[in-house]
Protein backbone atom coordinates (compact mmCIF):
# COMPACT_ATOMS: atom_id res chain seq x y z
CA UNK A 1 0.00 0.00 0.00
CA UNK A 2 2.96 2.33 0.48
CA UNK A 3 3.56 2.42 -3.27
CA UNK A 4 -0.09 3.31 -3.84
CA UNK A 5 0.16 6.22 -1.39
CA UNK A 6 3.40 7.39 -3.00
CA UNK A 7 1.73 7.25 -6.42
CA UNK A 8 -1.19 9.31 -5.10
CA UNK A 9 1.19 11.95 -3.72
CA UNK A 10 2.94 12.20 -7.10
CA UNK A 11 -0.41 12.39 -8.90
CA UNK A 12 -1.55 15.15 -6.55
CA UNK A 13 1.65 17.10 -7.25
CA UNK A 14 0.99 16.82 -10.99
CA UNK A 15 -2.69 17.79 -10.93
CA UNK A 16 -2.00 20.68 -8.56
CA UNK A 17 -0.66 22.61 -11.57
CA UNK A 18 -4.08 23.62 -12.87
CA UNK A 19 -3.18 25.72 -15.91
CA UNK A 20 -6.43 24.66 -17.60
CA UNK A 21 -8.59 26.80 -15.21
CA UNK A 22 -6.57 30.03 -15.32
CA UNK A 23 -8.60 31.80 -18.02
CA UNK A 24 -12.00 30.40 -17.05
CA UNK A 25 -14.33 33.15 -15.75
CA UNK A 26 -17.17 30.79 -14.79
CA UNK A 27 -18.50 30.96 -11.21
CA UNK A 28 -19.46 27.94 -9.14
CA UNK A 29 -22.55 28.48 -6.96
CA UNK A 30 -22.71 32.00 -8.48
CA UNK A 31 -19.91 33.38 -6.29
CA UNK A 32 -16.78 31.22 -6.36
CA UNK A 33 -14.37 31.24 -9.30
CA UNK A 34 -13.84 27.82 -10.81
CA UNK A 35 -10.10 27.84 -10.04
CA UNK A 36 -10.74 28.54 -6.36
CA UNK A 37 -13.38 25.80 -6.22
CA UNK A 38 -10.88 23.40 -7.81
CA UNK A 39 -8.31 24.23 -5.14
CA UNK A 40 -10.89 23.81 -2.37
CA UNK A 41 -11.63 20.30 -3.65
CA UNK A 42 -7.92 19.68 -4.13
CA UNK A 43 -7.31 20.59 -0.46
CA UNK A 44 -9.93 18.06 0.64
CA UNK A 45 -8.34 15.42 -1.60
CA UNK A 46 -4.90 16.22 -0.16
CA UNK A 47 -6.23 15.76 3.38
CA UNK A 48 -7.61 12.37 2.38
CA UNK A 49 -4.32 11.30 0.79
CA UNK A 50 -2.40 12.30 3.92
CA UNK A 51 -4.86 10.35 6.06
CA UNK A 52 -4.14 7.30 3.89
CA UNK A 53 -0.41 7.98 4.22
CA UNK A 54 -0.70 8.00 8.01
CA UNK A 55 -2.70 4.78 7.98
CA UNK A 56 -0.69 2.77 5.43
CA UNK A 57 2.76 4.37 5.07
CA UNK A 58 3.56 5.56 8.59
CA UNK A 59 6.88 4.13 9.82
CA UNK A 60 5.54 2.30 12.89
CA UNK A 61 8.91 0.70 13.64
CA UNK A 62 10.41 4.14 14.30
CA UNK A 63 7.47 5.02 16.54
CA UNK A 64 7.92 1.80 18.53
CA UNK A 65 11.64 2.54 18.87
CA UNK A 66 10.94 6.06 20.17
CA UNK A 67 8.40 4.80 22.70
CA UNK A 68 10.80 2.10 23.91
CA UNK A 69 13.40 4.75 24.78
CA UNK A 70 10.87 6.55 26.98
CA UNK A 71 10.24 3.40 29.01
CA UNK A 72 13.94 3.04 29.84
CA UNK A 73 13.99 6.23 31.86
CA UNK A 74 15.25 8.79 29.36
CA UNK A 75 18.24 10.97 30.19
CA UNK A 76 20.05 10.44 33.46
PDB file of N, CA and C in Angstrom:
ATOM      1  N   UNK A   1       0.806  -1.203   0.000  1.00  0.00           N
ATOM      2  CA  UNK A   1       0.000   0.000   0.000  1.00  0.00           C
ATOM      3  C   UNK A   1       0.847   1.264   0.000  1.00  0.00           C
ATOM      4  N   UNK A   2       2.104   1.153   0.468  1.00  0.00           N
ATOM      5  CA  UNK A   2       2.961   2.332   0.480  1.00  0.00           C
ATOM      6  C   UNK A   2       3.164   2.876  -0.927  1.00  0.00           C
ATOM      7  N   UNK A   3       3.351   1.979  -1.889  1.00  0.00           N
ATOM      8  CA  UNK A   3       3.564   2.424  -3.273  1.00  0.00           C
ATOM      9  C   UNK A   3       2.325   3.136  -3.808  1.00  0.00           C
ATOM     10  N   UNK A   4       1.155   2.663  -3.416  1.00  0.00           N
ATOM     11  CA  UNK A   4      -0.087   3.309  -3.835  1.00  0.00           C
ATOM     12  C   UNK A   4      -0.170   4.725  -3.276  1.00  0.00           C
ATOM     13  N   UNK A   5       0.175   4.889  -2.011  1.00  0.00           N
ATOM     14  CA  UNK A   5       0.161   6.219  -1.385  1.00  0.00           C
ATOM     15  C   UNK A   5       1.182   7.124  -2.053  1.00  0.00           C
ATOM     16  N   UNK A   6       2.378   6.594  -2.318  1.00  0.00           N
ATOM     17  CA  UNK A   6       3.404   7.394  -3.002  1.00  0.00           C
ATOM     18  C   UNK A   6       2.923   7.825  -4.386  1.00  0.00           C
ATOM     19  N   UNK A   7       2.263   6.916  -5.095  1.00  0.00           N
ATOM     20  CA  UNK A   7       1.733   7.253  -6.420  1.00  0.00           C
ATOM     21  C   UNK A   7       0.664   8.342  -6.321  1.00  0.00           C
ATOM     22  N   UNK A   8      -0.181   8.273  -5.298  1.00  0.00           N
ATOM     23  CA  UNK A   8      -1.194   9.312  -5.105  1.00  0.00           C
ATOM     24  C   UNK A   8      -0.563  10.668  -4.818  1.00  0.00           C
ATOM     25  N   UNK A   9       0.505  10.687  -4.024  1.00  0.00           N
ATOM     26  CA  UNK A   9       1.192  11.950  -3.724  1.00  0.00           C
ATOM     27  C   UNK A   9       1.780  12.543  -5.002  1.00  0.00           C
ATOM     28  N   UNK A  10       2.387  11.711  -5.826  1.00  0.00           N
ATOM     29  CA  UNK A  10       2.945  12.195  -7.097  1.00  0.00           C
ATOM     30  C   UNK A  10       1.834  12.692  -8.007  1.00  0.00           C
ATOM     31  N   UNK A  11       0.730  11.955  -8.083  1.00  0.00           N
ATOM     32  CA  UNK A  11      -0.406  12.390  -8.897  1.00  0.00           C
ATOM     33  C   UNK A  11      -0.954  13.721  -8.406  1.00  0.00           C
ATOM     34  N   UNK A  12      -1.058  13.885  -7.100  1.00  0.00           N
ATOM     35  CA  UNK A  12      -1.549  15.153  -6.549  1.00  0.00           C
ATOM     36  C   UNK A  12      -0.610  16.304  -6.897  1.00  0.00           C
ATOM     37  N   UNK A  13       0.686  16.053  -6.886  1.00  0.00           N
ATOM     38  CA  UNK A  13       1.647  17.099  -7.253  1.00  0.00           C
ATOM     39  C   UNK A  13       1.480  17.495  -8.715  1.00  0.00           C
ATOM     40  N   UNK A  14       1.172  16.530  -9.557  1.00  0.00           N
ATOM     41  CA  UNK A  14       0.991  16.823 -10.985  1.00  0.00           C
ATOM     42  C   UNK A  14      -0.305  17.580 -11.228  1.00  0.00           C
ATOM     43  N   UNK A  15      -1.414  17.126 -10.647  1.00  0.00           N
ATOM     44  CA  UNK A  15      -2.693  17.789 -10.928  1.00  0.00           C
ATOM     45  C   UNK A  15      -2.851  19.104 -10.178  1.00  0.00           C
ATOM     46  N   UNK A  16      -1.949  19.388  -9.251  1.00  0.00           N
ATOM     47  CA  UNK A  16      -2.001  20.682  -8.561  1.00  0.00           C
ATOM     48  C   UNK A  16      -1.734  21.828  -9.530  1.00  0.00           C
ATOM     49  N   UNK A  17      -0.969  21.582 -10.571  1.00  0.00           N
ATOM     50  CA  UNK A  17      -0.659  22.608 -11.573  1.00  0.00           C
ATOM     51  C   UNK A  17      -1.858  22.727 -12.516  1.00  0.00           C
ATOM     52  N   UNK A  18      -2.797  23.560 -12.160  1.00  0.00           N
ATOM     53  CA  UNK A  18      -4.083  23.622 -12.867  1.00  0.00           C
ATOM     54  C   UNK A  18      -4.109  24.731 -13.921  1.00  0.00           C
ATOM     55  N   UNK A  19      -3.242  24.666 -14.887  1.00  0.00           N
ATOM     56  CA  UNK A  19      -3.182  25.717 -15.910  1.00  0.00           C
ATOM     57  C   UNK A  19      -4.450  25.762 -16.757  1.00  0.00           C
ATOM     58  N   UNK A  20      -5.228  24.700 -16.765  1.00  0.00           N
ATOM     59  CA  UNK A  20      -6.427  24.663 -17.597  1.00  0.00           C
ATOM     60  C   UNK A  20      -7.562  25.515 -17.033  1.00  0.00           C
ATOM     61  N   UNK A  21      -7.530  25.960 -15.785  1.00  0.00           N
ATOM     62  CA  UNK A  21      -8.593  26.796 -15.214  1.00  0.00           C
ATOM     63  C   UNK A  21      -8.229  28.275 -15.145  1.00  0.00           C
ATOM     64  N   UNK A  22      -7.034  28.666 -15.523  1.00  0.00           N
ATOM     65  CA  UNK A  22      -6.572  30.034 -15.323  1.00  0.00           C
ATOM     66  C   UNK A  22      -7.418  31.078 -16.032  1.00  0.00           C
ATOM     67  N   UNK A  23      -7.855  30.816 -17.239  1.00  0.00           N
ATOM     68  CA  UNK A  23      -8.599  31.804 -18.022  1.00  0.00           C
ATOM     69  C   UNK A  23     -10.110  31.610 -17.950  1.00  0.00           C
ATOM     70  N   UNK A  24     -10.576  30.687 -17.143  1.00  0.00           N
ATOM     71  CA  UNK A  24     -12.001  30.400 -17.050  1.00  0.00           C
ATOM     72  C   UNK A  24     -12.661  31.392 -16.085  1.00  0.00           C
ATOM     73  N   UNK A  25     -13.644  32.128 -16.563  1.00  0.00           N
ATOM     74  CA  UNK A  25     -14.329  33.149 -15.749  1.00  0.00           C
ATOM     75  C   UNK A  25     -15.621  32.628 -15.106  1.00  0.00           C
ATOM     76  N   UNK A  26     -15.922  31.354 -15.296  1.00  0.00           N
ATOM     77  CA  UNK A  26     -17.168  30.795 -14.785  1.00  0.00           C
ATOM     78  C   UNK A  26     -17.174  30.764 -13.254  1.00  0.00           C
ATOM     79  N   UNK A  27     -18.343  30.993 -12.659  1.00  0.00           N
ATOM     80  CA  UNK A  27     -18.501  30.963 -11.207  1.00  0.00           C
ATOM     81  C   UNK A  27     -19.239  29.692 -10.790  1.00  0.00           C
ATOM     82  N   UNK A  28     -18.798  29.102  -9.719  1.00  0.00           N
ATOM     83  CA  UNK A  28     -19.463  27.940  -9.144  1.00  0.00           C
ATOM     84  C   UNK A  28     -20.330  28.447  -8.002  1.00  0.00           C
ATOM     85  N   UNK A  29     -21.573  28.017  -7.948  1.00  0.00           N
ATOM     86  CA  UNK A  29     -22.546  28.484  -6.955  1.00  0.00           C
ATOM     87  C   UNK A  29     -22.737  30.002  -7.037  1.00  0.00           C
ATOM     88  N   UNK A  30     -22.510  30.570  -8.182  1.00  0.00           N
ATOM     89  CA  UNK A  30     -22.707  32.001  -8.480  1.00  0.00           C
ATOM     90  C   UNK A  30     -21.833  32.948  -7.669  1.00  0.00           C
ATOM     91  N   UNK A  31     -20.778  32.450  -7.011  1.00  0.00           N
ATOM     92  CA  UNK A  31     -19.913  33.381  -6.285  1.00  0.00           C
ATOM     93  C   UNK A  31     -18.442  32.962  -6.266  1.00  0.00           C
ATOM     94  N   UNK A  32     -18.151  31.700  -6.503  1.00  0.00           N
ATOM     95  CA  UNK A  32     -16.776  31.217  -6.360  1.00  0.00           C
ATOM     96  C   UNK A  32     -16.170  30.932  -7.734  1.00  0.00           C
ATOM     97  N   UNK A  33     -15.027  31.547  -8.025  1.00  0.00           N
ATOM     98  CA  UNK A  33     -14.366  31.245  -9.297  1.00  0.00           C
ATOM     99  C   UNK A  33     -14.010  29.754  -9.389  1.00  0.00           C
ATOM    100  N   UNK A  34     -14.060  29.245 -10.596  1.00  0.00           N
ATOM    101  CA  UNK A  34     -13.836  27.819 -10.807  1.00  0.00           C
ATOM    102  C   UNK A  34     -12.463  27.370 -10.311  1.00  0.00           C
ATOM    103  N   UNK A  35     -11.437  28.190 -10.516  1.00  0.00           N
ATOM    104  CA  UNK A  35     -10.099  27.835 -10.043  1.00  0.00           C
ATOM    105  C   UNK A  35     -10.032  27.718  -8.533  1.00  0.00           C
ATOM    106  N   UNK A  36     -10.714  28.603  -7.822  1.00  0.00           N
ATOM    107  CA  UNK A  36     -10.743  28.544  -6.361  1.00  0.00           C
ATOM    108  C   UNK A  36     -11.510  27.310  -5.884  1.00  0.00           C
ATOM    109  N   UNK A  37     -12.607  26.993  -6.552  1.00  0.00           N
ATOM    110  CA  UNK A  37     -13.377  25.798  -6.223  1.00  0.00           C
ATOM    111  C   UNK A  37     -12.529  24.543  -6.431  1.00  0.00           C
ATOM    112  N   UNK A  38     -11.775  24.525  -7.535  1.00  0.00           N
ATOM    113  CA  UNK A  38     -10.878  23.401  -7.811  1.00  0.00           C
ATOM    114  C   UNK A  38      -9.874  23.234  -6.672  1.00  0.00           C
ATOM    115  N   UNK A  39      -9.302  24.326  -6.205  1.00  0.00           N
ATOM    116  CA  UNK A  39      -8.312  24.226  -5.136  1.00  0.00           C
ATOM    117  C   UNK A  39      -8.949  23.863  -3.800  1.00  0.00           C
ATOM    118  N   UNK A  40     -10.193  24.240  -3.583  1.00  0.00           N
ATOM    119  CA  UNK A  40     -10.891  23.807  -2.371  1.00  0.00           C
ATOM    120  C   UNK A  40     -11.076  22.287  -2.391  1.00  0.00           C
ATOM    121  N   UNK A  41     -11.502  21.752  -3.530  1.00  0.00           N
ATOM    122  CA  UNK A  41     -11.632  20.297  -3.654  1.00  0.00           C
ATOM    123  C   UNK A  41     -10.270  19.614  -3.563  1.00  0.00           C
ATOM    124  N   UNK A  42      -9.273  20.240  -4.171  1.00  0.00           N
ATOM    125  CA  UNK A  42      -7.921  19.683  -4.126  1.00  0.00           C
ATOM    126  C   UNK A  42      -7.421  19.595  -2.682  1.00  0.00           C
ATOM    127  N   UNK A  43      -7.722  20.601  -1.869  1.00  0.00           N
ATOM    128  CA  UNK A  43      -7.309  20.586  -0.464  1.00  0.00           C
ATOM    129  C   UNK A  43      -7.972  19.439   0.292  1.00  0.00           C
ATOM    130  N   UNK A  44      -9.237  19.188   0.010  1.00  0.00           N
ATOM    131  CA  UNK A  44      -9.929  18.059   0.642  1.00  0.00           C
ATOM    132  C   UNK A  44      -9.319  16.733   0.198  1.00  0.00           C
ATOM    133  N   UNK A  45      -8.991  16.634  -1.098  1.00  0.00           N
ATOM    134  CA  UNK A  45      -8.340  15.422  -1.597  1.00  0.00           C
ATOM    135  C   UNK A  45      -6.970  15.235  -0.952  1.00  0.00           C
ATOM    136  N   UNK A  46      -6.221  16.308  -0.784  1.00  0.00           N
ATOM    137  CA  UNK A  46      -4.899  16.219  -0.162  1.00  0.00           C
ATOM    138  C   UNK A  46      -5.017  15.741   1.283  1.00  0.00           C
ATOM    139  N   UNK A  47      -6.021  16.222   2.002  1.00  0.00           N
ATOM    140  CA  UNK A  47      -6.234  15.761   3.377  1.00  0.00           C
ATOM    141  C   UNK A  47      -6.528  14.260   3.403  1.00  0.00           C
ATOM    142  N   UNK A  48      -7.320  13.796   2.459  1.00  0.00           N
ATOM    143  CA  UNK A  48      -7.610  12.365   2.375  1.00  0.00           C
ATOM    144  C   UNK A  48      -6.382  11.533   2.054  1.00  0.00           C
ATOM    145  N   UNK A  49      -5.551  12.028   1.140  1.00  0.00           N
ATOM    146  CA  UNK A  49      -4.323  11.305   0.793  1.00  0.00           C
ATOM    147  C   UNK A  49      -3.386  11.240   1.992  1.00  0.00           C
ATOM    148  N   UNK A  50      -3.271  12.333   2.745  1.00  0.00           N
ATOM    149  CA  UNK A  50      -2.396  12.302   3.919  1.00  0.00           C
ATOM    150  C   UNK A  50      -2.963  11.395   5.005  1.00  0.00           C
ATOM    151  N   UNK A  51      -4.276  11.297   5.110  1.00  0.00           N
ATOM    152  CA  UNK A  51      -4.865  10.350   6.061  1.00  0.00           C
ATOM    153  C   UNK A  51      -4.509   8.916   5.666  1.00  0.00           C
ATOM    154  N   UNK A  52      -4.556   8.624   4.364  1.00  0.00           N
ATOM    155  CA  UNK A  52      -4.141   7.299   3.894  1.00  0.00           C
ATOM    156  C   UNK A  52      -2.656   7.067   4.152  1.00  0.00           C
ATOM    157  N   UNK A  53      -1.854   8.107   3.970  1.00  0.00           N
ATOM    158  CA  UNK A  53      -0.413   7.978   4.219  1.00  0.00           C
ATOM    159  C   UNK A  53      -0.145   7.658   5.683  1.00  0.00           C
ATOM    160  N   UNK A  54      -0.882   8.283   6.579  1.00  0.00           N
ATOM    161  CA  UNK A  54      -0.701   7.999   8.006  1.00  0.00           C
ATOM    162  C   UNK A  54      -1.126   6.570   8.322  1.00  0.00           C
ATOM    163  N   UNK A  55      -2.190   6.120   7.699  1.00  0.00           N
ATOM    164  CA  UNK A  55      -2.696   4.778   7.984  1.00  0.00           C
ATOM    165  C   UNK A  55      -1.805   3.689   7.390  1.00  0.00           C
ATOM    166  N   UNK A  56      -1.373   3.851   6.133  1.00  0.00           N
ATOM    167  CA  UNK A  56      -0.686   2.773   5.430  1.00  0.00           C
ATOM    168  C   UNK A  56       0.824   2.954   5.297  1.00  0.00           C
ATOM    169  N   UNK A  57       1.333   4.164   5.344  1.00  0.00           N
ATOM    170  CA  UNK A  57       2.757   4.371   5.069  1.00  0.00           C
ATOM    171  C   UNK A  57       3.515   4.933   6.266  1.00  0.00           C
ATOM    172  N   UNK A  58       2.894   5.012   7.406  1.00  0.00           N
ATOM    173  CA  UNK A  58       3.556   5.563   8.588  1.00  0.00           C
ATOM    174  C   UNK A  58       4.621   4.575   9.070  1.00  0.00           C
ATOM    175  N   UNK A  59       5.820   5.039   9.369  1.00  0.00           N
ATOM    176  CA  UNK A  59       6.883   4.126   9.815  1.00  0.00           C
ATOM    177  C   UNK A  59       6.684   3.713  11.277  1.00  0.00           C
ATOM    178  N   UNK A  60       5.878   2.702  11.516  1.00  0.00           N
ATOM    179  CA  UNK A  60       5.537   2.301  12.886  1.00  0.00           C
ATOM    180  C   UNK A  60       6.740   1.756  13.643  1.00  0.00           C
ATOM    181  N   UNK A  61       7.733   1.205  12.938  1.00  0.00           N
ATOM    182  CA  UNK A  61       8.909   0.695  13.640  1.00  0.00           C
ATOM    183  C   UNK A  61       9.691   1.824  14.309  1.00  0.00           C
ATOM    184  N   UNK A  62       9.735   2.989  13.695  1.00  0.00           N
ATOM    185  CA  UNK A  62      10.410   4.137  14.305  1.00  0.00           C
ATOM    186  C   UNK A  62       9.624   4.619  15.522  1.00  0.00           C
ATOM    187  N   UNK A  63       8.302   4.597  15.415  1.00  0.00           N
ATOM    188  CA  UNK A  63       7.469   5.016  16.544  1.00  0.00           C
ATOM    189  C   UNK A  63       7.649   4.072  17.731  1.00  0.00           C
ATOM    190  N   UNK A  64       7.702   2.774  17.457  1.00  0.00           N
ATOM    191  CA  UNK A  64       7.922   1.800  18.529  1.00  0.00           C
ATOM    192  C   UNK A  64       9.292   1.999  19.166  1.00  0.00           C
ATOM    193  N   UNK A  65      10.299   2.297  18.357  1.00  0.00           N
ATOM    194  CA  UNK A  65      11.644   2.543  18.874  1.00  0.00           C
ATOM    195  C   UNK A  65      11.659   3.772  19.786  1.00  0.00           C
ATOM    196  N   UNK A  66      10.970   4.830  19.370  1.00  0.00           N
ATOM    197  CA  UNK A  66      10.936   6.057  20.168  1.00  0.00           C
ATOM    198  C   UNK A  66      10.206   5.837  21.489  1.00  0.00           C
ATOM    199  N   UNK A  67       9.130   5.079  21.467  1.00  0.00           N
ATOM    200  CA  UNK A  67       8.397   4.802  22.699  1.00  0.00           C
ATOM    201  C   UNK A  67       9.189   3.887  23.623  1.00  0.00           C
ATOM    202  N   UNK A  68       9.985   2.991  23.082  1.00  0.00           N
ATOM    203  CA  UNK A  68      10.796   2.095  23.907  1.00  0.00           C
ATOM    204  C   UNK A  68      11.849   2.878  24.670  1.00  0.00           C
ATOM    205  N   UNK A  69      12.419   3.923  24.080  1.00  0.00           N
ATOM    206  CA  UNK A  69      13.405   4.747  24.783  1.00  0.00           C
ATOM    207  C   UNK A  69      12.784   5.450  25.977  1.00  0.00           C
ATOM    208  N   UNK A  70      11.540   5.868  25.869  1.00  0.00           N
ATOM    209  CA  UNK A  70      10.872   6.550  26.976  1.00  0.00           C
ATOM    210  C   UNK A  70      10.681   5.623  28.171  1.00  0.00           C
ATOM    211  N   UNK A  71      10.472   4.350  27.931  1.00  0.00           N
ATOM    212  CA  UNK A  71      10.243   3.399  29.011  1.00  0.00           C
ATOM    213  C   UNK A  71      11.524   3.073  29.770  1.00  0.00           C
ATOM    214  N   UNK A  72      12.678   3.357  29.184  1.00  0.00           N
ATOM    215  CA  UNK A  72      13.942   3.041  29.839  1.00  0.00           C
ATOM    216  C   UNK A  72      14.388   4.141  30.791  1.00  0.00           C
ATOM    217  N   UNK A  73      13.655   5.203  30.896  1.00  0.00           N
ATOM    218  CA  UNK A  73      13.986   6.233  31.861  1.00  0.00           C
ATOM    219  C   UNK A  73      14.517   7.515  31.271  1.00  0.00           C
ATOM    220  N   UNK A  74      14.780   7.562  30.001  1.00  0.00           N
ATOM    221  CA  UNK A  74      15.247   8.794  29.365  1.00  0.00           C
ATOM    222  C   UNK A  74      16.644   9.183  29.799  1.00  0.00           C
ATOM    223  N   UNK A  75      16.913  10.478  29.824  1.00  0.00           N
ATOM    224  CA  UNK A  75      18.241  10.974  30.193  1.00  0.00           C
ATOM    225  C   UNK A  75      18.462  10.815  31.691  1.00  0.00           C
ATOM    226  N   UNK A  76      19.711  10.594  32.042  1.00  0.00           N
ATOM    227  CA  UNK A  76      20.045  10.440  33.459  1.00  0.00           C
ATOM    228  C   UNK A  76      21.075  11.441  33.874  1.00  0.00           C
TER     229      UNK A  76
END
